[in-house]
Amino acid sequence: MKKNVKRRLLAATAVIAMAALSACSSAEGETATGGSGESDAPFIALSNGFIGNSWRQTLVRSFEETAEQLKTDGVISGYQAVNAPGENDATEQISQIRSLILQDPDALLIVPASPTALVPVIEEACAADITVVVLDSEIDAPCAHVVRNSYDDWGRESTIHALEAIGGKGNIINNRGVVGSQPEQLFYATQQEIFAEYPDVNVVSEVNGFCDSGTTQQELVAILASMPEIAAVPGCASGMGVAQAFQSAGRDVPVVVFDTSGANLQYWKDSGIDNGSYATITDPGQSVAALYVALELLDGKEVPEELILPLVYIPMEDRDAWLATLGPDDYAAYPWTRELIQEQIEAVQNGTEAPRPPTPAA
């Protein structure tokens, strides 16, 4: 963790790099505070490959708020968050990571624009004696640790609770995500395994909702007139679009899977849907979890190379407690602490199942 001599040698280069990044901070969404200087406390950087949706904005904001508190408490000397501009451009992110490497952070957290294109620059960071933690993605970079949710688990959570809510029988429409993407392939394969375990569930149709409420609503409106009674629409979290499609068709709203944004939870509450519907999606709090994993590594603790964390799951009885903590564009993020991350690590090491983090107090 102590690399003060190396920092002094690189100080001039770091200042130049900081100036270059500051020149484009308004476009890239950079946040920087504090500095590594000669403090024994570590300096942490975050490189985020995409900032164009509310889930990712919640991820970055969660990191910044936690890092600011850790800086105030003297746990870290400072932090920096850099968001690559554009549409998930790996080339731009590689350039920014190289600028961050020049600043010699103790740890570098990366939300990669590509699980393959960033491998060489990750290896460059490791070679510079920087602790690297990749989040929200699988990646073939042995020198890095990975903190993520499981798309298999997401497929399971987005399906099995809906089937249980309808008593394991009835007609359903399956709502798919971004068909062709690796996450969706894993998600869908898990769904097929679950459907096979419920012989009384009849998948009468599939729609490609792309995990977007507006698209899902359009896809369903086009087919509902020819559909029998539908008990549930499991799949990628587009519950608001599903409900609106059924309401506009004058039909009863089936069991749906909402995403975990404040807007979706508020719609769920205001619409009075009380039929076993629920909300689940991957956790933007992964950024905070990755920050604590980095601190464990910097302290020389043993950490699994890959730490798979639970998804955010919100049944109706927890909805209002979560809603009280969220703005319309915020996504529910687990309130990770270092102690909770240590519990997750110990569970993996002991081969046991770690508990979900707590629901916010109502």
Protein backbone atom coordinates (compact mmCIF):
# COMPACT_ATOMS: atom_id res chain seq x y z
CA MET A 1 0.00 0.00 0.00
CA LYS A 2 2.90 2.33 0.61
CA LYS A 3 4.32 3.53 -2.67
CA ASN A 4 5.41 7.05 -1.64
CA VAL A 5 8.84 6.87 -3.23
CA LYS A 6 7.36 5.83 -6.52
CA ARG A 7 4.79 8.60 -6.25
CA ARG A 8 7.43 11.26 -5.77
CA LEU A 9 9.24 10.04 -8.88
CA LEU A 10 6.03 10.24 -10.87
CA ALA A 11 4.70 13.47 -9.38
CA ALA A 12 5.48 15.68 -12.37
CA THR A 13 3.91 13.21 -14.79
CA ALA A 14 0.83 12.91 -12.59
CA VAL A 15 0.33 16.68 -12.56
CA ILE A 16 0.47 16.75 -16.36
CA ALA A 17 -2.00 13.88 -16.59
CA MET A 18 -4.36 15.56 -14.14
CA ALA A 19 -4.31 18.74 -16.18
CA ALA A 20 -5.06 16.81 -19.37
CA LEU A 21 -7.99 15.05 -17.77
CA SER A 22 -9.31 18.27 -16.23
CA ALA A 23 -9.41 19.87 -19.66
CA CYS A 24 -12.05 17.37 -20.76
CA SER A 25 -13.77 16.74 -17.42
CA SER A 26 -17.07 18.30 -18.42
CA ALA A 27 -17.46 15.86 -21.31
CA GLU A 28 -16.16 12.82 -19.49
CA GLY A 29 -17.87 13.32 -16.14
CA GLU A 30 -14.65 13.25 -14.10
CA THR A 31 -14.70 13.66 -10.36
CA ALA A 32 -11.44 13.97 -8.43
CA THR A 33 -10.76 14.91 -4.85
CA GLY A 34 -7.74 14.78 -2.59
CA GLY A 35 -4.42 13.44 -3.69
CA SER A 36 -2.10 10.63 -2.88
CA GLY A 37 0.80 12.93 -1.95
CA GLU A 38 2.89 11.27 0.74
CA SER A 39 0.00 9.90 2.79
CA ASP A 40 0.06 6.28 3.87
CA ALA A 41 -3.67 6.07 3.12
CA PRO A 42 -4.42 4.74 -0.37
CA PHE A 43 -5.65 6.70 -3.37
CA ILE A 44 -8.47 4.96 -5.30
CA ALA A 45 -9.49 5.56 -8.93
CA LEU A 46 -12.59 4.42 -10.83
CA SER A 47 -12.76 4.10 -14.62
CA ASN A 48 -16.33 3.72 -15.87
CA GLY A 49 -16.88 2.81 -19.51
CA PHE A 50 -20.42 4.19 -19.88
CA ILE A 51 -22.53 6.78 -18.04
CA GLY A 52 -25.59 6.94 -20.31
CA ASN A 53 -28.29 5.46 -18.07
CA SER A 54 -29.61 5.98 -14.56
CA TRP A 55 -28.36 2.60 -13.30
CA ARG A 56 -24.77 3.45 -14.22
CA GLN A 57 -25.13 6.96 -12.80
CA THR A 58 -26.25 5.42 -9.51
CA LEU A 59 -23.19 3.15 -9.61
CA VAL A 60 -20.81 6.10 -9.96
CA ARG A 61 -22.61 8.25 -7.41
CA SER A 62 -22.57 5.40 -4.86
CA PHE A 63 -18.80 5.09 -5.31
CA GLU A 64 -18.25 8.85 -4.94
CA GLU A 65 -20.40 9.19 -1.83
CA THR A 66 -18.71 6.27 -0.08
CA ALA A 67 -15.22 7.36 -1.15
CA GLU A 68 -15.88 10.88 0.12
CA GLN A 69 -16.85 9.52 3.52
CA LEU A 70 -13.80 7.25 3.60
CA LYS A 71 -11.63 10.25 2.74
CA THR A 72 -13.20 12.27 5.55
CA ASP A 73 -12.54 9.38 7.92
CA GLY A 74 -8.91 9.15 6.80
CA VAL A 75 -9.30 5.63 5.41
CA ILE A 76 -8.24 6.80 1.94
CA SER A 77 -6.23 9.85 0.94
CA GLY A 78 -8.40 10.67 -2.07
CA TYR A 79 -10.27 9.27 -5.04
CA GLN A 80 -11.04 9.93 -8.67
CA ALA A 81 -13.89 8.82 -10.93
CA VAL A 82 -13.58 9.13 -14.70
CA ASN A 83 -16.44 8.31 -17.06
CA ALA A 84 -15.63 7.53 -20.68
CA PRO A 85 -17.70 9.66 -23.07
CA GLY A 86 -19.77 8.20 -25.89
CA GLU A 87 -21.47 4.87 -26.26
CA ASN A 88 -19.39 2.39 -24.28
CA ASP A 89 -16.26 3.01 -26.37
CA ALA A 90 -13.40 0.71 -25.33
CA THR A 91 -10.77 2.76 -27.19
CA GLU A 92 -11.65 5.91 -25.24
CA GLN A 93 -11.67 4.03 -21.96
CA ILE A 94 -8.26 2.48 -22.66
CA SER A 95 -6.83 5.97 -23.20
CA GLN A 96 -8.31 7.20 -19.95
CA ILE A 97 -7.06 4.19 -17.99
CA ARG A 98 -3.54 4.86 -19.27
CA SER A 99 -3.85 8.44 -17.98
CA LEU A 100 -4.98 7.10 -14.63
CA ILE A 101 -2.05 4.68 -14.51
CA LEU A 102 0.31 7.68 -14.79
CA GLN A 103 -1.25 9.06 -11.62
CA ASP A 104 -0.17 5.89 -9.78
CA PRO A 105 -3.30 5.08 -7.76
CA ASP A 106 -3.02 2.33 -5.19
CA ALA A 107 -6.13 0.67 -6.59
CA LEU A 108 -7.99 1.04 -9.86
CA LEU A 109 -11.63 -0.04 -10.18
CA ILE A 110 -12.80 -0.64 -13.75
CA VAL A 111 -16.30 -0.99 -15.19
CA PRO A 112 -15.18 -2.19 -18.62
CA ALA A 113 -16.63 -1.16 -21.95
CA SER A 114 -15.44 -4.52 -23.28
CA PRO A 115 -14.56 -7.79 -21.49
CA THR A 116 -11.80 -8.45 -24.03
CA ALA A 117 -10.43 -5.17 -25.41
CA LEU A 118 -9.41 -3.87 -21.98
CA VAL A 119 -7.33 -6.92 -20.99
CA PRO A 120 -3.98 -5.48 -22.22
CA VAL A 121 -4.42 -2.16 -20.39
CA ILE A 122 -5.49 -4.01 -17.24
CA GLU A 123 -2.26 -5.98 -17.47
CA GLU A 124 -0.39 -2.66 -17.84
CA ALA A 125 -1.98 -1.43 -14.62
CA CYS A 126 -1.06 -4.63 -12.79
CA ALA A 127 2.51 -4.36 -14.08
CA ALA A 128 2.62 -0.85 -12.56
CA ASP A 129 1.90 -2.41 -9.15
CA ILE A 130 -1.68 -1.14 -9.09
CA THR A 131 -4.37 -3.32 -7.50
CA VAL A 132 -7.09 -3.79 -10.13
CA VAL A 133 -10.70 -4.73 -9.40
CA VAL A 134 -13.08 -5.22 -12.34
CA LEU A 135 -16.79 -4.92 -11.62
CA ASP A 136 -20.05 -5.72 -13.41
CA SER A 137 -18.33 -7.95 -15.98
CA GLU A 138 -16.55 -11.21 -16.49
CA ILE A 139 -13.03 -10.71 -17.85
CA ASP A 140 -10.04 -12.89 -18.69
CA ALA A 141 -7.38 -10.92 -16.86
CA PRO A 142 -5.81 -13.17 -14.19
CA CYS A 143 -4.04 -10.31 -12.44
CA ALA A 144 -7.35 -8.57 -11.66
CA HIS A 145 -10.01 -9.43 -9.11
CA VAL A 146 -13.66 -9.42 -10.22
CA VAL A 147 -16.71 -8.24 -8.30
CA ARG A 148 -20.01 -8.75 -10.08
CA ASN A 149 -23.55 -10.04 -10.08
CA SER A 150 -24.44 -13.25 -11.88
CA TYR A 151 -26.60 -13.09 -14.99
CA ASP A 152 -27.61 -16.68 -14.27
CA ASP A 153 -28.90 -15.48 -10.91
CA TRP A 154 -30.66 -12.57 -12.58
CA GLY A 155 -32.44 -14.98 -14.92
CA ARG A 156 -33.45 -17.07 -11.91
CA GLU A 157 -34.66 -14.15 -9.77
CA SER A 158 -36.53 -12.63 -12.71
CA THR A 159 -38.40 -15.86 -13.39
CA ILE A 160 -38.87 -18.20 -10.46
CA HIS A 161 -40.57 -15.71 -8.11
CA ALA A 162 -43.11 -14.94 -10.84
CA LEU A 163 -43.87 -18.62 -11.40
CA GLU A 164 -44.24 -19.18 -7.68
CA ALA A 165 -46.58 -16.19 -7.44
CA ILE A 166 -48.99 -17.85 -9.93
CA GLY A 167 -48.87 -21.18 -8.16
CA GLY A 168 -46.68 -22.81 -10.78
CA LYS A 169 -49.36 -22.93 -13.47
CA GLY A 170 -50.86 -20.71 -16.14
CA ASN A 171 -50.07 -18.96 -19.40
CA ILE A 172 -47.10 -16.63 -19.48
CA ILE A 173 -45.30 -14.36 -21.94
CA ASN A 174 -41.53 -14.38 -21.56
CA ASN A 175 -39.87 -10.97 -21.87
CA ARG A 176 -36.32 -11.29 -23.22
CA GLY A 177 -33.49 -8.78 -22.93
CA VAL A 178 -30.82 -7.79 -25.45
CA VAL A 179 -30.97 -10.93 -27.55
CA GLY A 180 -27.53 -12.03 -28.76
CA SER A 181 -25.58 -10.48 -25.89
CA GLN A 182 -23.65 -12.74 -23.53
CA PRO A 183 -25.64 -11.66 -20.44
CA GLU A 184 -28.93 -12.37 -22.19
CA GLN A 185 -27.74 -15.79 -23.34
CA LEU A 186 -26.93 -16.75 -19.75
CA PHE A 187 -30.16 -15.18 -18.50
CA TYR A 188 -32.26 -17.05 -21.10
CA ALA A 189 -30.53 -20.39 -20.60
CA THR A 190 -31.35 -20.20 -16.89
CA GLN A 191 -34.97 -19.40 -17.71
CA GLN A 192 -35.25 -22.49 -19.91
CA GLU A 193 -33.99 -24.67 -17.08
CA ILE A 194 -36.60 -23.19 -14.76
CA PHE A 195 -39.46 -23.54 -17.25
CA ALA A 196 -38.61 -27.24 -17.59
CA GLU A 197 -39.27 -27.63 -13.86
CA TYR A 198 -42.80 -26.17 -14.19
CA PRO A 199 -44.76 -28.42 -16.59
CA ASP A 200 -48.02 -26.58 -15.87
CA VAL A 201 -46.59 -23.26 -17.03
CA ASN A 202 -47.29 -22.57 -20.70
CA VAL A 203 -45.05 -20.05 -22.48
CA VAL A 204 -47.51 -18.80 -25.10
CA SER A 205 -45.21 -16.15 -26.57
CA GLU A 206 -41.90 -14.32 -26.23
CA VAL A 207 -41.17 -10.65 -26.81
CA ASN A 208 -37.83 -8.90 -27.18
CA GLY A 209 -38.20 -6.04 -24.74
CA PHE A 210 -34.46 -5.21 -24.56
CA CYS A 211 -34.84 -4.54 -20.81
CA ASP A 212 -36.63 -1.30 -21.71
CA SER A 213 -40.16 -0.51 -20.55
CA GLY A 214 -41.09 1.49 -23.65
CA THR A 215 -39.94 -1.20 -26.07
CA THR A 216 -41.60 -3.93 -24.01
CA GLN A 217 -44.87 -2.02 -23.98
CA GLN A 218 -44.82 -1.67 -27.79
CA GLU A 219 -44.00 -5.35 -28.29
CA LEU A 220 -46.84 -6.47 -26.03
CA VAL A 221 -49.44 -4.08 -27.46
CA ALA A 222 -48.81 -5.65 -30.87
CA ILE A 223 -49.70 -9.18 -29.72
CA LEU A 224 -52.08 -8.92 -26.76
CA ALA A 225 -55.25 -9.03 -28.86
CA SER A 226 -54.42 -12.60 -29.89
CA MET A 227 -53.27 -13.79 -26.48
CA PRO A 228 -55.26 -15.90 -24.00
CA GLU A 229 -55.45 -14.95 -20.32
CA ILE A 230 -51.91 -14.25 -19.11
CA ALA A 231 -50.90 -14.99 -15.54
CA ALA A 232 -47.36 -13.58 -15.56
CA VAL A 233 -44.74 -11.85 -17.70
CA PRO A 234 -41.35 -12.81 -16.24
CA GLY A 235 -38.01 -11.75 -17.67
CA CYS A 236 -35.87 -8.66 -17.96
CA ALA A 237 -37.07 -5.94 -15.62
CA SER A 238 -39.60 -3.93 -17.66
CA GLY A 239 -42.59 -4.30 -15.39
CA MET A 240 -43.90 -0.78 -15.84
CA GLY A 241 -44.09 -1.22 -19.62
CA VAL A 242 -45.76 -4.61 -19.20
CA ALA A 243 -48.38 -3.20 -16.81
CA GLN A 244 -49.08 -0.22 -19.07
CA ALA A 245 -49.55 -2.48 -22.10
CA PHE A 246 -52.13 -4.62 -20.29
CA GLN A 247 -53.89 -1.59 -18.84
CA SER A 248 -54.16 0.08 -22.26
CA ALA A 249 -55.65 -3.16 -23.62
CA GLY A 250 -58.23 -3.20 -20.83
CA ARG A 251 -56.84 -6.42 -19.37
CA ASP A 252 -55.89 -7.43 -15.85
CA VAL A 253 -52.24 -6.79 -15.08
CA PRO A 254 -50.38 -10.10 -14.63
CA VAL A 255 -47.49 -10.74 -12.26
CA VAL A 256 -44.66 -8.53 -13.55
CA VAL A 257 -41.00 -7.88 -12.75
CA PHE A 258 -40.26 -4.21 -12.14
CA ASP A 259 -36.80 -2.71 -12.25
CA THR A 260 -35.58 -1.15 -9.02
CA SER A 261 -35.62 2.54 -9.94
CA GLY A 262 -37.52 5.03 -7.85
CA ALA A 263 -39.81 5.75 -10.80
CA ASN A 264 -40.73 2.07 -11.22
CA LEU A 265 -41.28 1.49 -7.52
CA GLN A 266 -43.46 4.61 -7.33
CA TYR A 267 -45.52 3.47 -10.32
CA TRP A 268 -45.92 0.06 -8.72
CA LYS A 269 -47.20 1.67 -5.54
CA ASP A 270 -49.46 4.21 -7.25
CA SER A 271 -51.01 1.62 -9.58
CA GLY A 272 -52.06 -0.57 -6.66
CA ILE A 273 -50.66 -3.76 -8.23
CA ASP A 274 -50.82 -6.39 -5.49
CA ASN A 275 -50.58 -9.79 -7.13
CA GLY A 276 -47.12 -11.10 -6.28
CA SER A 277 -45.25 -8.72 -8.57
CA TYR A 278 -41.77 -7.73 -7.41
CA ALA A 279 -38.62 -5.87 -8.49
CA THR A 280 -35.15 -7.20 -9.17
CA ILE A 281 -32.09 -6.16 -11.14
CA THR A 282 -28.33 -6.13 -10.80
CA ASP A 283 -26.88 -4.03 -7.99
CA PRO A 284 -25.27 -0.65 -8.82
CA GLY A 285 -23.78 -0.83 -5.33
CA GLN A 286 -21.17 -3.15 -6.84
CA SER A 287 -18.94 -0.07 -7.08
CA VAL A 288 -18.95 0.30 -3.30
CA ALA A 289 -18.41 -3.44 -2.86
CA ALA A 290 -15.44 -3.27 -5.24
CA LEU A 291 -14.01 -0.33 -3.27
CA TYR A 292 -14.07 -2.37 -0.07
CA VAL A 293 -12.59 -5.38 -1.87
CA ALA A 294 -9.73 -3.15 -3.03
CA LEU A 295 -9.13 -2.02 0.55
CA GLU A 296 -9.05 -5.64 1.73
CA LEU A 297 -6.49 -6.47 -0.95
CA LEU A 298 -4.36 -3.44 -0.09
CA ASP A 299 -4.35 -4.62 3.51
CA GLY A 300 -2.96 -7.96 2.36
CA LYS A 301 -6.15 -9.94 3.01
CA GLU A 302 -7.04 -13.05 1.03
CA VAL A 303 -9.89 -12.36 -1.38
CA PRO A 304 -11.39 -14.77 -3.95
CA GLU A 305 -10.40 -13.92 -7.51
CA GLU A 306 -14.11 -13.58 -8.29
CA LEU A 307 -16.73 -12.43 -5.82
CA ILE A 308 -20.31 -12.89 -7.03
CA LEU A 309 -22.72 -10.77 -5.02
CA PRO A 310 -26.51 -11.10 -4.63
CA LEU A 311 -28.85 -9.14 -6.86
CA VAL A 312 -31.17 -6.52 -5.47
CA TYR A 313 -34.52 -8.23 -4.87
CA ILE A 314 -37.49 -6.19 -3.64
CA PRO A 315 -40.72 -7.96 -2.71
CA MET A 316 -43.80 -5.85 -2.09
CA GLU A 317 -43.29 -5.82 1.69
CA ASP A 318 -39.92 -4.07 1.23
CA ARG A 319 -40.96 -1.72 -1.57
CA ASP A 320 -41.90 1.34 0.46
CA ALA A 321 -38.76 1.17 2.61
CA TRP A 322 -36.62 1.23 -0.53
CA LEU A 323 -38.80 3.89 -2.16
CA ALA A 324 -38.24 6.25 0.76
CA THR A 325 -34.51 6.28 -0.05
CA LEU A 326 -34.75 6.85 -3.82
CA GLY A 327 -35.31 9.71 -6.23
CA PRO A 328 -37.15 8.93 -9.48
CA ASP A 329 -33.92 8.28 -11.40
CA ASP A 330 -32.09 6.46 -8.59
CA TYR A 331 -31.72 2.70 -8.55
CA ALA A 332 -31.79 0.65 -5.39
CA ALA A 333 -28.25 -0.18 -4.32
CA TYR A 334 -27.34 -2.37 -1.39
CA PRO A 335 -25.74 -0.39 1.48
CA TRP A 336 -22.44 -2.25 1.40
CA THR A 337 -20.04 -1.83 4.28
CA ARG A 338 -16.60 -3.28 4.74
CA GLU A 339 -18.01 -5.69 7.33
CA LEU A 340 -20.69 -6.91 4.90
CA ILE A 341 -18.05 -7.48 2.21
CA GLN A 342 -15.94 -9.41 4.69
CA GLU A 343 -18.99 -11.61 5.33
CA GLN A 344 -19.35 -12.24 1.59
CA ILE A 345 -15.66 -13.14 1.30
CA GLU A 346 -15.84 -15.50 4.28
CA ALA A 347 -18.93 -17.20 2.84
CA VAL A 348 -17.10 -17.93 -0.42
CA GLN A 349 -14.06 -19.20 1.46
CA ASN A 350 -16.23 -21.45 3.66
CA GLY A 351 -18.47 -22.65 0.85
CA THR A 352 -21.60 -21.23 2.46
CA GLU A 353 -24.30 -18.88 1.16
CA ALA A 354 -23.87 -15.28 2.24
CA PRO A 355 -27.00 -13.40 3.33
CA ARG A 356 -28.40 -10.51 1.33
CA PRO A 357 -27.50 -7.11 2.72
CA PRO A 358 -30.26 -5.50 4.79
CA THR A 359 -33.20 -3.57 3.45
CA PRO A 360 -33.07 0.15 4.33
CA ALA A 361 -34.96 1.06 7.48
CA ALA A 362 -38.50 2.21 6.69
